[in-house]
Amino acid sequence: DSIYAMAWYRQAPGKQREWVARVTSGGVTNYADSVKGRF
């Protein structure tokens, strides 16, 4: 559904799942500090 913002998450071995990046229905994006400028 286009109304939902979507996101990527990741889980490293032995670690909890963490949020990586988000894109809204309008195309606005934001990123975790660890991946800003790269993803």
Full PDB file with SEQRES, HELIX, SHEET, SSBOND, CRYST1, ORIGX, SCALE, CONECT and MASTER records, all heavy atoms in Angstrom:
SEQRES   1 A   39  ASP SER ILE TYR ALA MET ALA TRP TYR ARG GLN ALA PRO          
SEQRES   2 A   39  GLY LYS GLN ARG GLU TRP VAL ALA ARG VAL THR SER GLY          
SEQRES   3 A   39  GLY VAL THR ASN TYR ALA ASP SER VAL LYS GLY ARG PHE          
SHEET    1 AA1 3 MET A   6  ARG A  10  0                                        
SHEET    2 AA1 3 GLU A  18  VAL A  23 -1                                        
SHEET    3 AA1 3 THR A  29  TYR A  31 -1                                        
CRYST1    1.000    1.000    1.000  90.00  90.00  90.00 P 1           1          
ORIGX1      1.000000  0.000000  0.000000        0.00000                         
ORIGX2      0.000000  1.000000  0.000000        0.00000                         
ORIGX3      0.000000  0.000000  1.000000        0.00000                         
SCALE1      1.000000  0.000000  0.000000        0.00000                         
SCALE2      0.000000  1.000000  0.000000        0.00000                         
SCALE3      0.000000  0.000000  1.000000        0.00000                         
ATOM      1  N   ASP A   1       0.831  -1.187   0.000  1.00  0.00           N  
ATOM      2  CA  ASP A   1       0.000   0.000   0.000  1.00  0.00           C  
ATOM      3  C   ASP A   1       0.869   1.242   0.000  1.00  0.00           C  
ATOM      4  O   ASP A   1       1.783   1.385   0.815  1.00  0.00           O  
ATOM      5  CB  ASP A   1      -0.927   0.013   1.209  1.00  0.00           C  
ATOM      6  CG  ASP A   1      -2.009  -1.048   1.141  1.00  0.00           C  
ATOM      7  OD1 ASP A   1      -2.393  -1.436   0.019  1.00  0.00           O  
ATOM      8  OD2 ASP A   1      -2.477  -1.477   2.210  1.00  0.00           O  
ATOM      9  N   SER A   2       0.560   2.143  -0.907  1.00  0.00           N  
ATOM     10  CA  SER A   2       1.379   3.336  -1.071  1.00  0.00           C  
ATOM     11  C   SER A   2       1.323   4.277   0.123  1.00  0.00           C  
ATOM     12  O   SER A   2       2.192   5.136   0.264  1.00  0.00           O  
ATOM     13  CB  SER A   2       0.978   4.086  -2.344  1.00  0.00           C  
ATOM     14  OG  SER A   2      -0.371   4.516  -2.265  1.00  0.00           O  
ATOM     15  N   ILE A   3       0.330   4.124   0.977  1.00  0.00           N  
ATOM     16  CA  ILE A   3       0.210   5.007   2.130  1.00  0.00           C  
ATOM     17  C   ILE A   3       1.201   4.661   3.237  1.00  0.00           C  
ATOM     18  O   ILE A   3       1.426   5.468   4.134  1.00  0.00           O  
ATOM     19  CB  ILE A   3      -1.207   4.992   2.717  1.00  0.00           C  
ATOM     20  CG1 ILE A   3      -1.574   3.604   3.225  1.00  0.00           C  
ATOM     21  CG2 ILE A   3      -2.214   5.481   1.684  1.00  0.00           C  
ATOM     22  CD1 ILE A   3      -2.887   3.569   4.000  1.00  0.00           C  
ATOM     23  N   TYR A   4       1.787   3.483   3.190  1.00  0.00           N  
ATOM     24  CA  TYR A   4       2.690   3.037   4.242  1.00  0.00           C  
ATOM     25  C   TYR A   4       4.125   3.431   3.955  1.00  0.00           C  
ATOM     26  O   TYR A   4       4.635   3.213   2.857  1.00  0.00           O  
ATOM     27  CB  TYR A   4       2.619   1.520   4.404  1.00  0.00           C  
ATOM     28  CG  TYR A   4       1.313   1.009   4.961  1.00  0.00           C  
ATOM     29  CD1 TYR A   4       0.493   0.196   4.188  1.00  0.00           C  
ATOM     30  CD2 TYR A   4       0.909   1.344   6.242  1.00  0.00           C  
ATOM     31  CE1 TYR A   4      -0.709  -0.284   4.693  1.00  0.00           C  
ATOM     32  CE2 TYR A   4      -0.291   0.874   6.747  1.00  0.00           C  
ATOM     33  CZ  TYR A   4      -1.095   0.060   5.967  1.00  0.00           C  
ATOM     34  OH  TYR A   4      -2.279  -0.408   6.472  1.00  0.00           O  
ATOM     35  N   ALA A   5       4.777   3.984   4.964  1.00  0.00           N  
ATOM     36  CA  ALA A   5       6.217   4.124   4.901  1.00  0.00           C  
ATOM     37  C   ALA A   5       6.849   2.735   4.998  1.00  0.00           C  
ATOM     38  O   ALA A   5       6.337   1.857   5.693  1.00  0.00           O  
ATOM     39  CB  ALA A   5       6.724   5.021   6.025  1.00  0.00           C  
ATOM     40  N   MET A   6       7.955   2.544   4.293  1.00  0.00           N  
ATOM     41  CA  MET A   6       8.659   1.274   4.297  1.00  0.00           C  
ATOM     42  C   MET A   6      10.066   1.456   4.842  1.00  0.00           C  
ATOM     43  O   MET A   6      10.628   2.553   4.790  1.00  0.00           O  
ATOM     44  CB  MET A   6       8.720   0.693   2.881  1.00  0.00           C  
ATOM     45  CG  MET A   6       7.374   0.283   2.326  1.00  0.00           C  
ATOM     46  SD  MET A   6       6.655  -1.128   3.225  1.00  0.00           S  
ATOM     47  CE  MET A   6       7.891  -2.400   2.917  1.00  0.00           C  
ATOM     48  N   ALA A   7      10.617   0.384   5.351  1.00  0.00           N  
ATOM     49  CA  ALA A   7      11.931   0.475   5.973  1.00  0.00           C  
ATOM     50  C   ALA A   7      12.743  -0.789   5.750  1.00  0.00           C  
ATOM     51  O   ALA A   7      12.198  -1.866   5.486  1.00  0.00           O  
ATOM     52  CB  ALA A   7      11.790   0.736   7.477  1.00  0.00           C  
ATOM     53  N   TRP A   8      14.043  -0.633   5.858  1.00  0.00           N  
ATOM     54  CA  TRP A   8      14.983  -1.742   5.911  1.00  0.00           C  
ATOM     55  C   TRP A   8      15.519  -1.857   7.330  1.00  0.00           C  
ATOM     56  O   TRP A   8      15.775  -0.847   7.993  1.00  0.00           O  
ATOM     57  CB  TRP A   8      16.143  -1.551   4.935  1.00  0.00           C  
ATOM     58  CG  TRP A   8      15.786  -1.841   3.514  1.00  0.00           C  
ATOM     59  CD1 TRP A   8      15.370  -0.952   2.570  1.00  0.00           C  
ATOM     60  CD2 TRP A   8      15.834  -3.118   2.861  1.00  0.00           C  
ATOM     61  NE1 TRP A   8      15.143  -1.587   1.376  1.00  0.00           N  
ATOM     62  CE2 TRP A   8      15.424  -2.923   1.527  1.00  0.00           C  
ATOM     63  CE3 TRP A   8      16.181  -4.401   3.278  1.00  0.00           C  
ATOM     64  CZ2 TRP A   8      15.353  -3.962   0.604  1.00  0.00           C  
ATOM     65  CZ3 TRP A   8      16.105  -5.438   2.357  1.00  0.00           C  
ATOM     66  CH2 TRP A   8      15.696  -5.212   1.044  1.00  0.00           C  
ATOM     67  N   TYR A   9      15.699  -3.090   7.765  1.00  0.00           N  
ATOM     68  CA  TYR A   9      16.271  -3.420   9.060  1.00  0.00           C  
ATOM     69  C   TYR A   9      17.389  -4.425   8.840  1.00  0.00           C  
ATOM     70  O   TYR A   9      17.478  -5.042   7.784  1.00  0.00           O  
ATOM     71  CB  TYR A   9      15.213  -4.020   9.992  1.00  0.00           C  
ATOM     72  CG  TYR A   9      13.990  -3.151  10.178  1.00  0.00           C  
ATOM     73  CD1 TYR A   9      12.965  -3.150   9.235  1.00  0.00           C  
ATOM     74  CD2 TYR A   9      13.859  -2.332  11.296  1.00  0.00           C  
ATOM     75  CE1 TYR A   9      11.840  -2.356   9.399  1.00  0.00           C  
ATOM     76  CE2 TYR A   9      12.737  -1.533  11.466  1.00  0.00           C  
ATOM     77  CZ  TYR A   9      11.740  -1.559  10.519  1.00  0.00           C  
ATOM     78  OH  TYR A   9      10.627  -0.766  10.690  1.00  0.00           O  
ATOM     79  N   ARG A  10      18.235  -4.598   9.842  1.00  0.00           N  
ATOM     80  CA  ARG A  10      19.273  -5.609   9.738  1.00  0.00           C  
ATOM     81  C   ARG A  10      19.548  -6.217  11.108  1.00  0.00           C  
ATOM     82  O   ARG A  10      19.311  -5.598  12.139  1.00  0.00           O  
ATOM     83  CB  ARG A  10      20.562  -5.041   9.139  1.00  0.00           C  
ATOM     84  CG  ARG A  10      21.274  -4.012  10.006  1.00  0.00           C  
ATOM     85  CD  ARG A  10      22.441  -3.397   9.245  1.00  0.00           C  
ATOM     86  NE  ARG A  10      23.172  -2.436  10.056  1.00  0.00           N  
ATOM     87  CZ  ARG A  10      24.150  -1.669   9.597  1.00  0.00           C  
ATOM     88  NH1 ARG A  10      24.520  -1.742   8.318  1.00  0.00           N  
ATOM     89  NH2 ARG A  10      24.768  -0.810  10.414  1.00  0.00           N  
ATOM     90  N   GLN A  11      20.049  -7.434  11.088  1.00  0.00           N  
ATOM     91  CA  GLN A  11      20.394  -8.133  12.309  1.00  0.00           C  
ATOM     92  C   GLN A  11      21.738  -8.822  12.120  1.00  0.00           C  
ATOM     93  O   GLN A  11      21.874  -9.720  11.294  1.00  0.00           O  
ATOM     94  CB  GLN A  11      19.317  -9.153  12.685  1.00  0.00           C  
ATOM     95  CG  GLN A  11      19.538  -9.806  14.037  1.00  0.00           C  
ATOM     96  CD  GLN A  11      18.336 -10.593  14.508  1.00  0.00           C  
ATOM     97  OE1 GLN A  11      17.512 -11.032  13.703  1.00  0.00           O  
ATOM     98  NE2 GLN A  11      18.217 -10.773  15.807  1.00  0.00           N  
ATOM     99  N   ALA A  12      22.720  -8.379  12.880  1.00  0.00           N  
ATOM    100  CA  ALA A  12      24.046  -8.971  12.851  1.00  0.00           C  
ATOM    101  C   ALA A  12      24.080 -10.181  13.775  1.00  0.00           C  
ATOM    102  O   ALA A  12      23.253 -10.305  14.687  1.00  0.00           O  
ATOM    103  CB  ALA A  12      25.093  -7.945  13.267  1.00  0.00           C  
ATOM    104  N   PRO A  13      25.041 -11.087  13.572  1.00  0.00           N  
ATOM    105  CA  PRO A  13      25.130 -12.269  14.439  1.00  0.00           C  
ATOM    106  C   PRO A  13      25.223 -11.893  15.910  1.00  0.00           C  
ATOM    107  O   PRO A  13      26.046 -11.063  16.300  1.00  0.00           O  
ATOM    108  CB  PRO A  13      26.408 -12.954  13.960  1.00  0.00           C  
ATOM    109  CG  PRO A  13      26.552 -12.523  12.538  1.00  0.00           C  
ATOM    110  CD  PRO A  13      26.056 -11.099  12.511  1.00  0.00           C  
ATOM    111  N   GLY A  14      24.370 -12.490  16.720  1.00  0.00           N  
ATOM    112  CA  GLY A  14      24.378 -12.242  18.148  1.00  0.00           C  
ATOM    113  C   GLY A  14      23.825 -10.902  18.572  1.00  0.00           C  
ATOM    114  O   GLY A  14      23.897 -10.567  19.762  1.00  0.00           O  
ATOM    115  N   LYS A  15      23.282 -10.131  17.643  1.00  0.00           N  
ATOM    116  CA  LYS A  15      22.769  -8.801  17.941  1.00  0.00           C  
ATOM    117  C   LYS A  15      21.269  -8.725  17.694  1.00  0.00           C  
ATOM    118  O   LYS A  15      20.688  -9.568  17.015  1.00  0.00           O  
ATOM    119  CB  LYS A  15      23.478  -7.740  17.096  1.00  0.00           C  
ATOM    120  CG  LYS A  15      24.987  -7.740  17.209  1.00  0.00           C  
ATOM    121  CD  LYS A  15      25.446  -7.368  18.608  1.00  0.00           C  
ATOM    122  CE  LYS A  15      26.961  -7.294  18.677  1.00  0.00           C  
ATOM    123  NZ  LYS A  15      27.431  -6.947  20.043  1.00  0.00           N  
ATOM    124  N   GLN A  16      20.649  -7.688  18.254  1.00  0.00           N  
ATOM    125  CA  GLN A  16      19.238  -7.444  18.013  1.00  0.00           C  
ATOM    126  C   GLN A  16      19.030  -6.809  16.640  1.00  0.00           C  
ATOM    127  O   GLN A  16      19.932  -6.183  16.086  1.00  0.00           O  
ATOM    128  CB  GLN A  16      18.662  -6.527  19.094  1.00  0.00           C  
ATOM    129  CG  GLN A  16      18.677  -7.118  20.489  1.00  0.00           C  
ATOM    130  CD  GLN A  16      18.040  -6.196  21.513  1.00  0.00           C  
ATOM    131  OE1 GLN A  16      17.446  -5.177  21.170  1.00  0.00           O  
ATOM    132  NE2 GLN A  16      18.156  -6.562  22.768  1.00  0.00           N  
ATOM    133  N   ARG A  17      17.839  -6.969  16.100  1.00  0.00           N  
ATOM    134  CA  ARG A  17      17.505  -6.331  14.848  1.00  0.00           C  
ATOM    135  C   ARG A  17      17.481  -4.815  15.035  1.00  0.00           C  
ATOM    136  O   ARG A  17      16.975  -4.310  16.039  1.00  0.00           O  
ATOM    137  CB  ARG A  17      16.139  -6.824  14.354  1.00  0.00           C  
ATOM    138  CG  ARG A  17      15.829  -6.381  12.951  1.00  0.00           C  
ATOM    139  CD  ARG A  17      14.520  -6.933  12.371  1.00  0.00           C  
ATOM    140  NE  ARG A  17      13.778  -7.834  13.200  1.00  0.00           N  
ATOM    141  CZ  ARG A  17      13.528  -9.099  12.915  1.00  0.00           C  
ATOM    142  NH1 ARG A  17      14.000  -9.642  11.796  1.00  0.00           N  
ATOM    143  NH2 ARG A  17      12.795  -9.835  13.730  1.00  0.00           N  
ATOM    144  N   GLU A  18      18.044  -4.078  14.084  1.00  0.00           N  
ATOM    145  CA  GLU A  18      18.087  -2.634  14.161  1.00  0.00           C  
ATOM    146  C   GLU A  18      17.543  -2.004  12.884  1.00  0.00           C  
ATOM    147  O   GLU A  18      17.638  -2.576  11.798  1.00  0.00           O  
ATOM    148  CB  GLU A  18      19.517  -2.130  14.415  1.00  0.00           C  
ATOM    149  CG  GLU A  18      20.492  -2.414  13.274  1.00  0.00           C  
ATOM    150  CD  GLU A  18      21.868  -1.811  13.504  1.00  0.00           C  
ATOM    151  OE1 GLU A  18      22.032  -0.978  14.413  1.00  0.00           O  
ATOM    152  OE2 GLU A  18      22.802  -2.185  12.760  1.00  0.00           O  
ATOM    153  N   TRP A  19      16.992  -0.818  13.026  1.00  0.00           N  
ATOM    154  CA  TRP A  19      16.480  -0.067  11.907  1.00  0.00           C  
ATOM    155  C   TRP A  19      17.626   0.557  11.117  1.00  0.00           C  
ATOM    156  O   TRP A  19      18.596   1.043  11.697  1.00  0.00           O  
ATOM    157  CB  TRP A  19      15.528   1.024  12.411  1.00  0.00           C  
ATOM    158  CG  TRP A  19      15.167   2.041  11.374  1.00  0.00           C  
ATOM    159  CD1 TRP A  19      14.292   1.884  10.345  1.00  0.00           C  
ATOM    160  CD2 TRP A  19      15.682   3.371  11.286  1.00  0.00           C  
ATOM    161  NE1 TRP A  19      14.226   3.046   9.606  1.00  0.00           N  
ATOM    162  CE2 TRP A  19      15.059   3.966  10.164  1.00  0.00           C  
ATOM    163  CE3 TRP A  19      16.587   4.112  12.037  1.00  0.00           C  
ATOM    164  CZ2 TRP A  19      15.337   5.280   9.786  1.00  0.00           C  
ATOM    165  CZ3 TRP A  19      16.858   5.417  11.655  1.00  0.00           C  
ATOM    166  CH2 TRP A  19      16.234   5.984  10.541  1.00  0.00           C  
ATOM    167  N   VAL A  20      17.502   0.556   9.796  1.00  0.00           N  
ATOM    168  CA  VAL A  20      18.556   1.051   8.915  1.00  0.00           C  
ATOM    169  C   VAL A  20      18.112   2.279   8.133  1.00  0.00           C  
ATOM    170  O   VAL A  20      18.824   3.287   8.080  1.00  0.00           O  
ATOM    171  CB  VAL A  20      19.018  -0.041   7.934  1.00  0.00           C  
ATOM    172  CG1 VAL A  20      19.999   0.516   6.908  1.00  0.00           C  
ATOM    173  CG2 VAL A  20      19.654  -1.202   8.706  1.00  0.00           C  
ATOM    174  N   ALA A  21      16.951   2.211   7.468  1.00  0.00           N  
ATOM    175  CA  ALA A  21      16.518   3.285   6.590  1.00  0.00           C  
ATOM    176  C   ALA A  21      15.010   3.244   6.421  1.00  0.00           C  
ATOM    177  O   ALA A  21      14.388   2.193   6.559  1.00  0.00           O  
ATOM    178  CB  ALA A  21      17.196   3.179   5.220  1.00  0.00           C  
ATOM    179  N   ARG A  22      14.436   4.392   6.093  1.00  0.00           N  
ATOM    180  CA  ARG A  22      12.996   4.523   5.930  1.00  0.00           C  
ATOM    181  C   ARG A  22      12.687   5.397   4.730  1.00  0.00           C  
ATOM    182  O   ARG A  22      13.413   6.355   4.459  1.00  0.00           O  
ATOM    183  CB  ARG A  22      12.383   5.153   7.190  1.00  0.00           C  
ATOM    184  CG  ARG A  22      10.898   5.442   7.127  1.00  0.00           C  
ATOM    185  CD  ARG A  22      10.449   6.238   8.351  1.00  0.00           C  
ATOM    186  NE  ARG A  22      10.639   5.476   9.584  1.00  0.00           N  
ATOM    187  CZ  ARG A  22      11.511   5.798  10.536  1.00  0.00           C  
ATOM    188  NH1 ARG A  22      12.276   6.871  10.408  1.00  0.00           N  
ATOM    189  NH2 ARG A  22      11.606   5.047  11.621  1.00  0.00           N  
ATOM    190  N   VAL A  23      11.623   5.078   4.014  1.00  0.00           N  
ATOM    191  CA  VAL A  23      11.123   5.931   2.948  1.00  0.00           C  
ATOM    192  C   VAL A  23       9.610   6.054   3.108  1.00  0.00           C  
ATOM    193  O   VAL A  23       8.909   5.055   3.253  1.00  0.00           O  
ATOM    194  CB  VAL A  23      11.508   5.410   1.545  1.00  0.00           C  
ATOM    195  CG1 VAL A  23      11.003   3.989   1.308  1.00  0.00           C  
ATOM    196  CG2 VAL A  23      11.001   6.356   0.468  1.00  0.00           C  
ATOM    197  N   THR A  24       9.101   7.275   3.101  1.00  0.00           N  
ATOM    198  CA  THR A  24       7.676   7.510   3.283  1.00  0.00           C  
ATOM    199  C   THR A  24       6.935   7.354   1.971  1.00  0.00           C  
ATOM    200  O   THR A  24       7.524   7.192   0.903  1.00  0.00           O  
ATOM    201  CB  THR A  24       7.420   8.909   3.854  1.00  0.00           C  
ATOM    202  OG1 THR A  24       7.689   9.881   2.834  1.00  0.00           O  
ATOM    203  CG2 THR A  24       8.285   9.185   5.067  1.00  0.00           C  
ATOM    204  N   SER A  25       5.602   7.420   2.052  1.00  0.00           N  
ATOM    205  CA  SER A  25       4.781   7.347   0.852  1.00  0.00           C  
ATOM    206  C   SER A  25       5.072   8.498  -0.095  1.00  0.00           C  
ATOM    207  O   SER A  25       4.866   8.368  -1.301  1.00  0.00           O  
ATOM    208  CB  SER A  25       3.299   7.340   1.227  1.00  0.00           C  
ATOM    209  OG  SER A  25       2.943   8.516   1.941  1.00  0.00           O  
ATOM    210  N   GLY A  26       5.541   9.609   0.440  1.00  0.00           N  
ATOM    211  CA  GLY A  26       5.886  10.764  -0.369  1.00  0.00           C  
ATOM    212  C   GLY A  26       7.328  10.799  -0.824  1.00  0.00           C  
ATOM    213  O   GLY A  26       7.747  11.771  -1.456  1.00  0.00           O  
ATOM    214  N   GLY A  27       8.094   9.759  -0.503  1.00  0.00           N  
ATOM    215  CA  GLY A  27       9.469   9.682  -0.959  1.00  0.00           C  
ATOM    216  C   GLY A  27      10.486  10.325  -0.039  1.00  0.00           C  
ATOM    217  O   GLY A  27      11.665  10.409  -0.390  1.00  0.00           O  
ATOM    218  N   VAL A  28      10.062  10.778   1.129  1.00  0.00           N  
ATOM    219  CA  VAL A  28      11.000  11.337   2.086  1.00  0.00           C  
ATOM    220  C   VAL A  28      11.768  10.206   2.757  1.00  0.00           C  
ATOM    221  O   VAL A  28      11.181   9.210   3.175  1.00  0.00           O  
ATOM    222  CB  VAL A  28      10.277  12.194   3.135  1.00  0.00           C  
ATOM    223  CG1 VAL A  28      11.259  12.725   4.171  1.00  0.00           C  
ATOM    224  CG2 VAL A  28       9.534  13.336   2.466  1.00  0.00           C  
ATOM    225  N   THR A  29      13.076  10.346   2.851  1.00  0.00           N  
ATOM    226  CA  THR A  29      13.923   9.296   3.397  1.00  0.00           C  
ATOM    227  C   THR A  29      14.640   9.754   4.654  1.00  0.00           C  
ATOM    228  O   THR A  29      14.878  10.948   4.856  1.00  0.00           O  
ATOM    229  CB  THR A  29      14.970   8.843   2.374  1.00  0.00           C  
ATOM    230  OG1 THR A  29      15.819   9.947   2.031  1.00  0.00           O  
ATOM    231  CG2 THR A  29      14.299   8.320   1.113  1.00  0.00           C  
ATOM    232  N   ASN A  30      14.978   8.797   5.496  1.00  0.00           N  
ATOM    233  CA  ASN A  30      15.875   9.050   6.602  1.00  0.00           C  
ATOM    234  C   ASN A  30      16.621   7.766   6.934  1.00  0.00           C  
ATOM    235  O   ASN A  30      16.187   6.672   6.579  1.00  0.00           O  
ATOM    236  CB  ASN A  30      15.165   9.643   7.823  1.00  0.00           C  
ATOM    237  CG  ASN A  30      14.102   8.737   8.393  1.00  0.00           C  
ATOM    238  OD1 ASN A  30      13.258   8.190   7.680  1.00  0.00           O  
ATOM    239  ND2 ASN A  30      14.120   8.591   9.720  1.00  0.00           N  
ATOM    240  N   TYR A  31      17.759   7.921   7.619  1.00  0.00           N  
ATOM    241  CA  TYR A  31      18.700   6.831   7.785  1.00  0.00           C  
ATOM    242  C   TYR A  31      19.277   6.793   9.187  1.00  0.00           C  
ATOM    243  O   TYR A  31      19.381   7.822   9.861  1.00  0.00           O  
ATOM    244  CB  TYR A  31      19.858   6.980   6.795  1.00  0.00           C  
ATOM    245  CG  TYR A  31      19.418   7.024   5.355  1.00  0.00           C  
ATOM    246  CD1 TYR A  31      19.113   8.234   4.741  1.00  0.00           C  
ATOM    247  CD2 TYR A  31      19.295   5.856   4.613  1.00  0.00           C  
ATOM    248  CE1 TYR A  31      18.690   8.272   3.417  1.00  0.00           C  
ATOM    249  CE2 TYR A  31      18.877   5.887   3.294  1.00  0.00           C  
ATOM    250  CZ  TYR A  31      18.579   7.098   2.702  1.00  0.00           C  
ATOM    251  OH  TYR A  31      18.165   7.133   1.389  1.00  0.00           O  
ATOM    252  N   ALA A  32      19.666   5.605   9.592  1.00  0.00           N  
ATOM    253  CA  ALA A  32      20.444   5.476  10.806  1.00  0.00           C  
ATOM    254  C   ALA A  32      21.792   6.166  10.612  1.00  0.00           C  
ATOM    255  O   ALA A  32      22.335   6.208   9.507  1.00  0.00           O  
ATOM    256  CB  ALA A  32      20.655   4.009  11.156  1.00  0.00           C  
ATOM    257  N   ASP A  33      22.331   6.713  11.694  1.00  0.00           N  
ATOM    258  CA  ASP A  33      23.602   7.424  11.601  1.00  0.00           C  
ATOM    259  C   ASP A  33      24.708   6.551  11.005  1.00  0.00           C  
ATOM    260  O   ASP A  33      25.586   7.047  10.297  1.00  0.00           O  
ATOM    261  CB  ASP A  33      24.030   7.930  12.972  1.00  0.00           C  
ATOM    262  CG  ASP A  33      23.194   9.093  13.463  1.00  0.00           C  
ATOM    263  OD1 ASP A  33      22.504   9.723  12.644  1.00  0.00           O  
ATOM    264  OD2 ASP A  33      23.237   9.369  14.676  1.00  0.00           O  
ATOM    265  N   SER A  34      24.659   5.268  11.278  1.00  0.00           N  
ATOM    266  CA  SER A  34      25.713   4.370  10.844  1.00  0.00           C  
ATOM    267  C   SER A  34      25.780   4.190   9.332  1.00  0.00           C  
ATOM    268  O   SER A  34      26.804   3.743   8.814  1.00  0.00           O  
ATOM    269  CB  SER A  34      25.549   3.004  11.514  1.00  0.00           C  
ATOM    270  OG  SER A  34      24.297   2.434  11.195  1.00  0.00           O  
ATOM    271  N   VAL A  35      24.703   4.530   8.620  1.00  0.00           N  
ATOM    272  CA  VAL A  35      24.675   4.321   7.170  1.00  0.00           C  
ATOM    273  C   VAL A  35      24.466   5.604   6.379  1.00  0.00           C  
ATOM    274  O   VAL A  35      24.465   5.562   5.142  1.00  0.00           O  
ATOM    275  CB  VAL A  35      23.602   3.291   6.765  1.00  0.00           C  
ATOM    276  CG1 VAL A  35      23.784   1.996   7.540  1.00  0.00           C  
ATOM    277  CG2 VAL A  35      22.200   3.852   6.961  1.00  0.00           C  
ATOM    278  N   LYS A  36      24.309   6.731   7.040  1.00  0.00           N  
ATOM    279  CA  LYS A  36      24.091   7.992   6.341  1.00  0.00           C  
ATOM    280  C   LYS A  36      25.234   8.287   5.376  1.00  0.00           C  
ATOM    281  O   LYS A  36      26.402   8.146   5.715  1.00  0.00           O  
ATOM    282  CB  LYS A  36      23.955   9.142   7.340  1.00  0.00           C  
ATOM    283  CG  LYS A  36      22.614   9.215   8.035  1.00  0.00           C  
ATOM    284  CD  LYS A  36      22.552  10.401   8.992  1.00  0.00           C  
ATOM    285  CE  LYS A  36      21.207  10.474   9.684  1.00  0.00           C  
ATOM    286  NZ  LYS A  36      21.152  11.577  10.673  1.00  0.00           N  
ATOM    287  N   GLY A  37      24.859   8.699   4.176  1.00  0.00           N  
ATOM    288  CA  GLY A  37      25.842   9.019   3.154  1.00  0.00           C  
ATOM    289  C   GLY A  37      26.328   7.823   2.370  1.00  0.00           C  
ATOM    290  O   GLY A  37      27.039   7.993   1.379  1.00  0.00           O  
ATOM    291  N   ARG A  38      25.965   6.619   2.799  1.00  0.00           N  
ATOM    292  CA  ARG A  38      26.415   5.411   2.126  1.00  0.00           C  
ATOM    293  C   ARG A  38      25.270   4.593   1.535  1.00  0.00           C  
ATOM    294  O   ARG A  38      25.430   3.972   0.487  1.00  0.00           O  
ATOM    295  CB  ARG A  38      27.209   4.523   3.081  1.00  0.00           C  
ATOM    296  CG  ARG A  38      28.431   5.209   3.676  1.00  0.00           C  
ATOM    297  CD  ARG A  38      29.287   4.246   4.487  1.00  0.00           C  
ATOM    298  NE  ARG A  38      28.553   3.686   5.623  1.00  0.00           N  
ATOM    299  CZ  ARG A  38      28.278   2.392   5.784  1.00  0.00           C  
ATOM    300  NH1 ARG A  38      28.683   1.508   4.881  1.00  0.00           N  
ATOM    301  NH2 ARG A  38      27.614   1.969   6.852  1.00  0.00           N  
ATOM    302  N   PHE A  39      24.116   4.580   2.206  1.00  0.00           N  
ATOM    303  CA  PHE A  39      22.961   3.799   1.772  1.00  0.00           C  
ATOM    304  C   PHE A  39      21.881   4.722   1.229  1.00  0.00           C  
ATOM    305  O   PHE A  39      21.719   5.853   1.697  1.00  0.00           O  
ATOM    306  CB  PHE A  39      22.369   3.003   2.930  1.00  0.00           C  
ATOM    307  CG  PHE A  39      23.215   1.858   3.430  1.00  0.00           C  
ATOM    308  CD1 PHE A  39      24.537   1.703   3.041  1.00  0.00           C  
ATOM    309  CD2 PHE A  39      22.667   0.937   4.304  1.00  0.00           C  
ATOM    310  CE1 PHE A  39      25.306   0.651   3.512  1.00  0.00           C  
ATOM    311  CE2 PHE A  39      23.420  -0.121   4.778  1.00  0.00           C  
ATOM    312  CZ  PHE A  39      24.731  -0.268   4.392  1.00  0.00           C  
TER     313      PHE A  39                                                      
MASTER        0    0    0    0    3    0    0    6  312    1    0    3          
END                                                                             
